[in-house]
Amino acid sequence: MTEETMTEQDSEQAYNKMFDALMAVPKDDIVYCNMPLEIAAAEAKQLGIVAEEDRQMLVDAGINPEFVDTLQDRAGAFIYASAKYNTVVNTEPEARRQWEELSPKGYEVQRYLVRFFTFAFRKDDDLLKSVDKIKEGRGDKDMIMDLLSSHIFAKENQDALAKMNMFDQSKNRRSQNTSQQT
């Protein structure tokens, strides 16, 4: 399937075909990024095209052929899910009401966590790079991912954060809860 032939119908079919497999991925195996959905969708589509063209080289390099062969479908499913997400967030009154209620709290928690992490890890360049990646997010959709990224970052660095009496663990729990509620 080439870039020109990936239609909305193809994306929806890919979404329906992949839905159960995607929902079966354990939460601990999910990797989050704070890239805007539109950019991630375009990159996924482009990677699918490149992977199809370079299939043999990728397989010869040790990549599981199943991953290469299903990349176009996974990209299509992601594109469809992104569009579906945008539609729900932007049009459903209940989703809009919930968002209006949760977003100020989400931004407050996100600002606290980013400021705290920036201060706490100011002498650790590697950790500070991770914090900087979280800071790059812009807008509402990125804030949701940033909350989850912040929660994961805090979880991965919990020993260092536990040594800091000032760290408010409840904000970290709230970041996870808020990201899941939106």
Protein backbone atom coordinates (compact mmCIF):
# COMPACT_ATOMS: atom_id res chain seq x y z
CA MET A 1 0.00 0.00 0.00
CA THR A 2 1.59 3.29 -1.03
CA GLU A 3 1.11 6.75 0.44
CA GLU A 4 -1.38 7.63 -2.27
CA THR A 5 -3.55 4.57 -1.66
CA MET A 6 -3.84 4.83 2.17
CA THR A 7 -7.40 6.15 2.37
CA GLU A 8 -9.64 6.91 5.32
CA GLN A 9 -11.39 3.60 4.70
CA ASP A 10 -8.02 1.78 4.73
CA SER A 11 -7.13 3.50 8.01
CA GLU A 12 -10.46 2.54 9.55
CA GLN A 13 -10.08 -1.06 8.39
CA ALA A 14 -6.55 -1.15 9.81
CA TYR A 15 -7.85 0.26 13.09
CA ASN A 16 -10.62 -2.35 13.31
CA LYS A 17 -8.22 -5.15 12.33
CA MET A 18 -5.53 -4.12 14.85
CA PHE A 19 -7.79 -2.97 17.71
CA ASP A 20 -7.72 -6.15 19.80
CA ALA A 21 -3.97 -6.60 19.39
CA LEU A 22 -3.30 -2.98 20.31
CA MET A 23 -5.58 -3.13 23.35
CA ALA A 24 -3.78 -6.32 24.48
CA VAL A 25 -0.42 -4.53 24.82
CA PRO A 26 0.41 -4.46 28.55
CA LYS A 27 0.45 -0.93 30.01
CA ASP A 28 4.06 -1.40 31.13
CA ASP A 29 5.10 -2.04 27.51
CA ILE A 30 3.56 1.17 26.18
CA VAL A 31 6.10 3.85 25.29
CA TYR A 32 4.79 7.39 25.43
CA CYS A 33 6.11 10.43 23.65
CA ASN A 34 5.03 14.02 23.67
CA MET A 35 5.04 14.48 19.90
CA PRO A 36 1.86 16.13 18.57
CA LEU A 37 -0.53 13.57 17.12
CA GLU A 38 -0.54 15.15 13.67
CA ILE A 39 3.25 14.94 13.40
CA ALA A 40 3.38 11.40 14.79
CA ALA A 41 0.68 10.30 12.34
CA ALA A 42 2.55 11.78 9.37
CA GLU A 43 5.81 10.19 10.51
CA ALA A 44 4.14 6.82 11.04
CA LYS A 45 2.72 6.96 7.53
CA GLN A 46 6.12 7.86 6.07
CA LEU A 47 7.88 5.11 8.06
CA GLY A 48 5.38 2.60 6.73
CA ILE A 49 6.25 3.58 3.16
CA VAL A 50 10.00 3.46 3.78
CA ALA A 51 9.77 0.14 5.63
CA GLU A 52 7.83 -1.37 2.76
CA GLU A 53 10.49 -0.22 0.29
CA ASP A 54 13.38 -1.40 2.48
CA ARG A 55 11.70 -4.56 3.79
CA GLN A 56 14.43 -7.03 2.89
CA MET A 57 17.21 -4.84 4.24
CA LEU A 58 15.33 -4.41 7.55
CA VAL A 59 14.68 -8.15 7.86
CA ASP A 60 18.32 -8.90 7.02
CA ALA A 61 19.31 -6.47 9.81
CA GLY A 62 17.36 -8.58 12.30
CA ILE A 63 14.00 -6.82 12.52
CA ASN A 64 11.11 -9.22 12.94
CA PRO A 65 9.38 -9.47 9.52
CA GLU A 66 5.98 -9.29 11.22
CA PHE A 67 6.81 -5.78 12.47
CA VAL A 68 7.82 -4.66 9.01
CA ASP A 69 4.82 -6.29 7.34
CA THR A 70 2.29 -4.76 9.74
CA LEU A 71 3.78 -1.26 9.95
CA GLN A 72 1.45 0.15 7.29
CA ASP A 73 -1.57 -1.26 9.12
CA ARG A 74 -0.32 0.02 12.45
CA ALA A 75 0.32 3.45 10.93
CA GLY A 76 -3.17 3.45 9.43
CA ALA A 77 -4.69 2.40 12.75
CA PHE A 78 -2.81 5.17 14.51
CA ILE A 79 -3.94 7.76 11.96
CA TYR A 80 -7.55 6.66 12.35
CA ALA A 81 -7.34 6.58 16.16
CA SER A 82 -5.80 10.09 16.14
CA ALA A 83 -8.61 11.42 13.97
CA LYS A 84 -11.18 9.69 16.15
CA TYR A 85 -9.59 11.19 19.27
CA ASN A 86 -9.64 14.68 17.74
CA THR A 87 -13.29 14.28 16.82
CA VAL A 88 -14.33 13.16 20.29
CA VAL A 89 -12.30 15.81 22.09
CA ASN A 90 -13.52 18.61 19.87
CA THR A 91 -17.21 17.76 19.43
CA GLU A 92 -18.70 15.72 22.25
CA PRO A 93 -20.29 17.99 24.87
CA GLU A 94 -19.51 15.65 27.76
CA ALA A 95 -15.88 15.30 26.69
CA ARG A 96 -15.63 19.08 26.35
CA ARG A 97 -17.18 19.60 29.81
CA GLN A 98 -14.80 17.07 31.38
CA TRP A 99 -11.86 18.67 29.61
CA GLU A 100 -12.81 22.15 30.81
CA GLU A 101 -12.96 20.78 34.34
CA LEU A 102 -9.75 18.76 34.23
CA SER A 103 -7.42 20.85 32.08
CA PRO A 104 -6.68 23.63 34.61
CA LYS A 105 -5.74 20.97 37.18
CA GLY A 106 -3.64 19.18 34.58
CA TYR A 107 -1.73 22.32 33.66
CA GLU A 108 -1.19 23.13 37.35
CA VAL A 109 0.21 19.67 38.10
CA GLN A 110 2.34 19.70 34.95
CA ARG A 111 3.87 23.09 35.80
CA TYR A 112 4.68 21.89 39.33
CA LEU A 113 6.32 18.67 38.15
CA VAL A 114 8.38 20.27 35.39
CA ARG A 115 9.61 23.02 37.71
CA PHE A 116 10.43 20.54 40.44
CA PHE A 117 12.23 18.15 38.09
CA THR A 118 14.18 21.02 36.52
CA PHE A 119 15.38 22.13 39.93
CA ALA A 120 15.90 18.66 41.38
CA PHE A 121 17.94 17.35 38.47
CA ARG A 122 19.71 20.57 37.44
CA LYS A 123 23.11 18.92 37.95
CA ASP A 124 22.34 15.76 35.97
CA ASP A 125 22.52 16.51 32.26
CA ASP A 126 20.98 13.21 31.18
CA LEU A 127 17.93 13.57 33.41
CA LEU A 128 17.62 17.23 32.52
CA LYS A 129 17.44 16.26 28.84
CA SER A 130 14.44 14.06 29.67
CA VAL A 131 12.81 16.94 31.51
CA ASP A 132 13.50 19.23 28.56
CA LYS A 133 11.72 16.76 26.26
CA ILE A 134 8.68 16.90 28.53
CA LYS A 135 8.82 20.72 28.50
CA GLU A 136 8.69 20.77 24.68
CA GLY A 137 5.01 19.88 24.65
CA ARG A 138 2.59 22.56 23.53
CA GLY A 139 -1.17 22.68 23.81
CA ASP A 140 -3.81 20.54 25.38
CA LYS A 141 -3.02 17.21 23.70
CA ASP A 142 0.64 17.53 24.58
CA MET A 143 -0.23 18.37 28.18
CA ILE A 144 -2.01 15.03 28.51
CA MET A 145 1.04 13.16 27.23
CA ASP A 146 3.35 15.37 29.31
CA LEU A 147 1.43 14.41 32.44
CA LEU A 148 1.91 10.75 31.69
CA SER A 149 5.56 11.30 30.72
CA SER A 150 6.09 13.16 33.99
CA HIS A 151 4.52 10.34 35.95
CA ILE A 152 6.72 7.76 34.23
CA PHE A 153 9.80 9.96 34.72
CA ALA A 154 9.02 10.31 38.44
CA LYS A 155 8.43 6.57 38.75
CA GLU A 156 11.77 5.81 37.06
CA ASN A 157 13.55 8.26 39.38
CA GLN A 158 11.58 7.57 42.54
CA ASP A 159 14.66 6.79 44.65
CA ALA A 160 16.21 10.19 43.93
CA LEU A 161 12.87 11.95 44.44
CA ALA A 162 12.23 10.10 47.71
CA LYS A 163 15.37 11.72 49.14
CA MET A 164 13.85 15.14 48.54
CA ASN A 165 11.42 15.96 51.32
CA MET A 166 9.91 18.75 49.23
CA PHE A 167 8.57 16.48 46.47
CA ASP A 168 4.80 16.21 46.62
CA GLN A 169 4.02 12.59 45.64
CA SER A 170 0.33 13.40 45.45
CA LYS A 171 1.03 15.64 42.42
CA ASN A 172 2.69 12.71 40.69
CA ARG A 173 -0.30 10.47 41.39
CA ARG A 174 -2.58 13.26 40.18
CA SER A 175 -0.57 13.54 36.94
CA GLN A 176 -1.26 9.88 36.19
CA ASN A 177 -4.93 10.11 37.15
CA THR A 178 -5.50 13.28 35.15
CA SER A 179 -3.83 11.87 32.04
CA GLN A 180 -6.00 8.78 32.25
CA GLN A 181 -9.24 10.71 32.80
CA THR A 182 -8.82 12.92 29.75
